[in-house]
Amino acid sequence: MLASSRTRLLIDCGLSCRETCRRLALAGIEPESLSAILITHEHSDHVNGLHVMAKRFRVPVFITEPTHAEWQRLFKDSTGKQVSAERLEAFSPGRGFCVGDIDVMPFTIPHDAADPVGFRFVAEGVRVGYATDLGFMPPNVRDQLRGCDGLVLESNHDLEMLRGGPYPWAVKQRVMSRVGHLSNESLAEFLATDYDGGAAFLVLAHLSEHNNHPDLARVAAERALDGRSSQTMPREEPSGELMPGGRLYLAAQDEPLPALTL
């Protein structure tokens, strides 16, 4: 989730409505206070709770038209009817829009979905880049991530763990493909060669439970950042206060991170 002093945006809604509300409560946020839900793509781990959440709280859903069409084609509600959102707002990659006082720039990312996007947010002078579920870092994504004060980036898998892991070979090939997921090694390459080093915080996100380990993701990022100003914030000692120089965080699947503020 991303918030300014007046606007609260939930990015994707893959958890159930109940679990989403539980985690919002842990962060001290009422679901009724959400300004919008922004959807990156239609895969189940990003939209499973969307229909119920949007219906129960009448929160606007911002989604591209191809993603919306696939969401409706793939999912049904509890009665077997086509899923829907009462307050639907369509957007297109490359065309910015505003939600409250947050400027949003969606950009295309390489993933095996109908119309997958990442986001660049600007609010109260702070810029945050968000890119998960992408097979590699193309030039347009690199451009959108430059100059950001905060970054949330995918560090999905360790290549050796994936190759020796439990997934069928076809799934492994998909994950490793250029429309799959970003590995620890691929993210490290970006951090070492194209990252401008200016973010106050960097969150490693979308870590696989079966094909990654937090320590592997952390070490790969730390090595890539060697010589830059970022420091590591251990998972067991979370803090919402960011000191000059920046910090590295790992997002867990079973609990929310503390608030990161600038």
Protein backbone atom coordinates (compact mmCIF):
# COMPACT_ATOMS: atom_id res chain seq x y z
CA MET A 1 0.00 0.00 0.00
CA LEU A 2 1.09 3.57 -0.71
CA ALA A 3 -0.29 6.61 1.09
CA SER A 4 0.06 10.37 1.22
CA SER A 5 -1.46 12.59 3.87
CA ARG A 6 -4.81 12.52 2.02
CA THR A 7 -4.83 9.45 -0.25
CA ARG A 8 -4.44 5.71 0.31
CA LEU A 9 -3.80 3.30 -2.55
CA LEU A 10 -3.86 -0.50 -2.31
CA ILE A 11 -1.71 -2.05 -5.02
CA ASP A 12 -3.23 -5.38 -6.06
CA CYS A 13 -5.61 -7.49 -3.99
CA GLY A 14 -4.45 -11.09 -4.13
CA LEU A 15 -5.29 -12.01 -0.55
CA SER A 16 -8.82 -12.70 0.60
CA CYS A 17 -10.89 -9.74 1.74
CA ARG A 18 -10.68 -10.98 5.34
CA GLU A 19 -6.89 -11.31 5.26
CA THR A 20 -6.48 -7.98 3.51
CA CYS A 21 -8.56 -6.29 6.19
CA ARG A 22 -6.58 -8.05 8.92
CA ARG A 23 -3.30 -6.76 7.54
CA LEU A 24 -4.68 -3.28 7.04
CA ALA A 25 -5.74 -3.33 10.69
CA LEU A 26 -2.20 -4.26 11.72
CA ALA A 27 -1.10 -1.11 9.93
CA GLY A 28 -3.82 0.93 11.65
CA ILE A 29 -5.81 1.44 8.45
CA GLU A 30 -9.56 1.12 8.03
CA PRO A 31 -10.51 -0.45 4.67
CA GLU A 32 -13.22 2.21 4.30
CA SER A 33 -10.44 4.79 4.09
CA LEU A 34 -8.93 3.34 0.90
CA SER A 35 -9.02 5.78 -2.00
CA ALA A 36 -8.53 3.14 -4.71
CA ILE A 37 -7.21 -0.30 -5.60
CA LEU A 38 -4.69 -0.35 -8.46
CA ILE A 39 -4.22 -3.63 -10.33
CA THR A 40 -0.96 -4.61 -12.02
CA HIS A 41 -2.26 -7.74 -13.81
CA GLU A 42 -4.87 -10.47 -13.59
CA HIS A 43 -2.95 -13.42 -12.12
CA SER A 44 -4.71 -14.96 -9.15
CA ASP A 45 -2.15 -13.94 -6.53
CA HIS A 46 -2.88 -10.33 -7.47
CA VAL A 47 -6.69 -10.33 -7.83
CA ASN A 48 -8.12 -13.19 -5.72
CA GLY A 49 -9.73 -10.84 -3.20
CA LEU A 50 -10.52 -8.00 -5.56
CA HIS A 51 -14.20 -8.70 -6.25
CA VAL A 52 -15.21 -9.01 -2.59
CA MET A 53 -13.03 -6.14 -1.43
CA ALA A 54 -14.28 -3.75 -4.10
CA LYS A 55 -17.92 -4.75 -3.58
CA ARG A 56 -17.90 -4.65 0.22
CA PHE A 57 -16.20 -1.27 0.54
CA ARG A 58 -17.21 0.26 -2.82
CA VAL A 59 -13.61 1.24 -3.42
CA PRO A 60 -12.73 2.36 -6.98
CA VAL A 61 -10.69 -0.14 -9.00
CA PHE A 62 -8.13 1.19 -11.48
CA ILE A 63 -7.30 -1.44 -14.10
CA THR A 64 -6.40 -1.61 -17.79
CA GLU A 65 -9.13 -2.76 -20.16
CA PRO A 66 -7.28 -5.95 -21.29
CA THR A 67 -6.57 -6.89 -17.67
CA HIS A 68 -10.19 -6.28 -16.71
CA ALA A 69 -11.40 -8.47 -19.58
CA GLU A 70 -9.11 -11.32 -18.51
CA TRP A 71 -10.11 -10.94 -14.86
CA GLN A 72 -13.76 -11.32 -15.82
CA ARG A 73 -13.00 -14.24 -18.12
CA LEU A 74 -10.98 -16.18 -15.54
CA PHE A 75 -12.87 -15.54 -12.29
CA LYS A 76 -16.41 -16.05 -10.97
CA ASP A 77 -17.95 -14.90 -7.72
CA SER A 78 -19.33 -17.21 -5.02
CA THR A 79 -22.60 -17.61 -6.94
CA GLY A 80 -20.88 -18.48 -10.21
CA LYS A 81 -21.51 -15.09 -11.75
CA GLN A 82 -18.93 -13.00 -13.54
CA VAL A 83 -16.84 -10.87 -11.19
CA SER A 84 -17.22 -7.12 -11.42
CA ALA A 85 -16.39 -3.83 -9.75
CA GLU A 86 -19.07 -1.18 -9.23
CA ARG A 87 -16.59 1.68 -9.48
CA LEU A 88 -14.26 0.88 -12.35
CA GLU A 89 -11.64 3.25 -13.75
CA ALA A 90 -9.72 2.20 -16.87
CA PHE A 91 -6.18 3.40 -17.50
CA SER A 92 -3.54 2.76 -20.15
CA PRO A 93 0.21 2.22 -19.75
CA GLY A 94 2.17 5.37 -20.51
CA ARG A 95 -0.71 7.69 -19.66
CA GLY A 96 -0.56 9.22 -16.22
CA PHE A 97 -3.54 9.84 -13.98
CA CYS A 98 -4.23 11.15 -10.49
CA VAL A 99 -5.91 9.60 -7.48
CA GLY A 100 -6.40 12.29 -4.89
CA ASP A 101 -3.07 14.03 -4.46
CA ILE A 102 -1.01 11.12 -5.86
CA ASP A 103 0.18 11.23 -9.47
CA VAL A 104 0.36 7.76 -11.00
CA MET A 105 2.35 6.77 -14.09
CA PRO A 106 1.70 3.17 -15.18
CA PHE A 107 4.33 1.55 -17.41
CA THR A 108 4.43 -1.72 -19.31
CA ILE A 109 6.44 -4.58 -17.83
CA PRO A 110 7.42 -7.91 -19.47
CA HIS A 111 5.21 -10.62 -17.94
CA ASP A 112 2.93 -13.35 -19.29
CA ALA A 113 -0.32 -11.52 -18.59
CA ALA A 114 -2.80 -9.55 -20.69
CA ASP A 115 -1.47 -6.05 -20.01
CA PRO A 116 0.90 -6.07 -17.02
CA VAL A 117 2.13 -2.80 -15.54
CA GLY A 118 4.37 -1.31 -12.90
CA PHE A 119 3.81 2.10 -11.34
CA ARG A 120 5.69 5.27 -10.57
CA PHE A 121 4.02 7.38 -7.90
CA VAL A 122 4.63 11.02 -7.03
CA ALA A 123 3.07 12.58 -3.93
CA GLU A 124 4.12 15.59 -1.90
CA GLY A 125 7.43 15.70 -3.74
CA VAL A 126 8.26 12.03 -3.05
CA ARG A 127 8.72 9.54 -5.93
CA VAL A 128 8.22 5.80 -5.47
CA GLY A 129 8.76 3.12 -8.12
CA TYR A 130 6.95 -0.22 -8.01
CA ALA A 131 7.83 -3.14 -10.32
CA THR A 132 7.16 -6.81 -9.58
CA ASP A 133 6.27 -9.77 -11.82
CA LEU A 134 8.62 -9.03 -14.69
CA GLY A 135 11.02 -11.31 -16.50
CA PHE A 136 13.75 -8.74 -17.08
CA MET A 137 14.46 -5.02 -16.80
CA PRO A 138 13.81 -3.40 -20.19
CA PRO A 139 14.86 0.21 -20.89
CA ASN A 140 11.40 1.67 -20.25
CA VAL A 141 11.31 0.16 -16.74
CA ARG A 142 14.83 1.33 -15.96
CA ASP A 143 13.86 4.85 -17.05
CA GLN A 144 10.81 4.88 -14.75
CA LEU A 145 12.87 3.75 -11.76
CA ARG A 146 15.49 6.46 -12.08
CA GLY A 147 15.23 9.33 -9.65
CA CYS A 148 12.92 7.52 -7.24
CA ASP A 149 13.11 8.17 -3.50
CA GLY A 150 11.80 4.70 -2.73
CA LEU A 151 11.70 1.45 -4.72
CA VAL A 152 9.73 -1.79 -4.42
CA LEU A 153 11.29 -4.35 -6.75
CA GLU A 154 10.90 -8.06 -7.38
CA SER A 155 13.55 -10.49 -6.17
CA ASN A 156 11.55 -13.62 -6.86
CA HIS A 157 13.86 -16.60 -6.99
CA ASP A 158 17.35 -17.99 -6.66
CA LEU A 159 18.26 -19.68 -9.94
CA GLU A 160 19.83 -22.76 -8.34
CA MET A 161 16.92 -23.24 -5.94
CA LEU A 162 14.47 -22.92 -8.82
CA ARG A 163 16.33 -25.39 -11.02
CA GLY A 164 16.51 -27.96 -8.21
CA GLY A 165 13.11 -27.18 -6.74
CA PRO A 166 9.72 -28.94 -6.87
CA TYR A 167 8.14 -27.12 -9.82
CA PRO A 168 7.53 -29.00 -13.10
CA TRP A 169 10.12 -28.16 -15.74
CA ALA A 170 7.57 -26.25 -17.83
CA VAL A 171 6.81 -23.98 -14.86
CA LYS A 172 10.52 -23.50 -14.19
CA GLN A 173 11.01 -22.43 -17.81
CA ARG A 174 8.14 -19.98 -17.50
CA VAL A 175 9.54 -18.43 -14.31
CA MET A 176 13.02 -18.08 -15.84
CA SER A 177 11.73 -16.69 -19.15
CA ARG A 178 11.75 -13.05 -20.24
CA VAL A 179 8.05 -12.86 -19.37
CA GLY A 180 8.42 -14.66 -16.04
CA HIS A 181 9.89 -13.37 -12.80
CA LEU A 182 12.99 -11.43 -11.81
CA SER A 183 15.64 -13.55 -10.10
CA ASN A 184 17.92 -12.42 -7.30
CA GLU A 185 20.73 -12.42 -9.85
CA SER A 186 18.83 -10.30 -12.38
CA LEU A 187 17.86 -7.74 -9.78
CA ALA A 188 21.44 -7.65 -8.53
CA GLU A 189 22.64 -6.93 -12.06
CA PHE A 190 20.26 -3.98 -12.27
CA LEU A 191 21.35 -2.68 -8.86
CA ALA A 192 25.02 -2.95 -9.79
CA THR A 193 24.80 -1.41 -13.25
CA ASP A 194 21.71 0.75 -13.72
CA TYR A 195 20.40 1.73 -10.29
CA ASP A 196 21.18 5.39 -9.59
CA GLY A 197 21.65 4.79 -5.86
CA GLY A 198 19.40 7.63 -4.80
CA ALA A 199 16.53 5.83 -3.06
CA ALA A 200 16.09 6.22 0.69
CA PHE A 201 14.68 2.70 0.83
CA LEU A 202 14.62 -0.38 -1.36
CA VAL A 203 12.11 -3.17 -0.68
CA LEU A 204 12.77 -6.63 -2.10
CA ALA A 205 9.34 -8.06 -2.88
CA HIS A 206 7.55 -11.09 -4.29
CA LEU A 207 10.04 -13.61 -2.88
CA SER A 208 9.10 -17.18 -3.75
CA GLU A 209 8.38 -19.48 -0.80
CA HIS A 210 9.73 -22.54 -2.66
CA ASN A 211 12.51 -21.10 -4.82
CA ASN A 212 14.12 -18.43 -2.68
CA HIS A 213 15.30 -17.63 0.80
CA PRO A 214 15.36 -14.14 2.36
CA ASP A 215 19.07 -14.44 3.14
CA LEU A 216 19.89 -15.28 -0.48
CA ALA A 217 17.91 -12.32 -1.79
CA ARG A 218 19.42 -10.00 0.81
CA VAL A 219 23.02 -11.06 0.19
CA ALA A 220 22.66 -10.77 -3.60
CA ALA A 221 21.29 -7.24 -3.25
CA GLU A 222 23.90 -6.23 -0.66
CA ARG A 223 26.75 -7.39 -2.86
CA ALA A 224 25.34 -5.49 -5.82
CA LEU A 225 24.97 -2.37 -3.69
CA ASP A 226 28.53 -2.61 -2.39
CA GLY A 227 30.09 0.83 -2.54
CA ARG A 228 26.72 2.58 -2.63
CA SER A 229 25.01 4.26 0.30
CA SER A 230 22.34 1.66 1.08
CA GLN A 231 22.37 -0.16 4.43
CA THR A 232 20.53 -3.30 5.47
CA MET A 233 17.58 -3.17 7.86
CA PRO A 234 17.22 -6.67 9.41
CA ARG A 235 13.75 -8.22 9.24
CA GLU A 236 13.77 -8.89 12.98
CA GLU A 237 14.29 -5.20 13.78
CA PRO A 238 11.78 -3.35 11.58
CA SER A 239 11.52 0.40 11.76
CA GLY A 240 9.44 2.98 9.95
CA GLU A 241 12.08 5.68 10.40
CA LEU A 242 14.53 5.95 7.54
CA MET A 243 17.91 7.52 8.12
CA PRO A 244 19.94 9.31 5.43
CA GLY A 245 21.74 6.88 3.18
CA GLY A 246 18.89 4.49 2.58
CA ARG A 247 18.01 1.00 3.77
CA LEU A 248 17.24 -2.39 2.34
CA TYR A 249 14.06 -4.20 3.42
CA LEU A 250 12.67 -7.64 2.63
CA ALA A 251 8.90 -8.01 2.32
CA ALA A 252 7.58 -11.19 3.93
CA GLN A 253 4.53 -13.07 2.63
CA ASP A 254 2.92 -13.60 6.02
CA GLU A 255 3.09 -10.14 7.58
CA PRO A 256 3.12 -6.49 6.48
CA LEU A 257 6.20 -4.34 6.64
CA PRO A 258 6.11 -1.40 9.03
CA ALA A 259 5.33 1.97 7.47
CA LEU A 260 8.24 3.39 5.50
CA THR A 261 8.21 7.17 5.54
CA LEU A 262 10.23 9.92 3.93
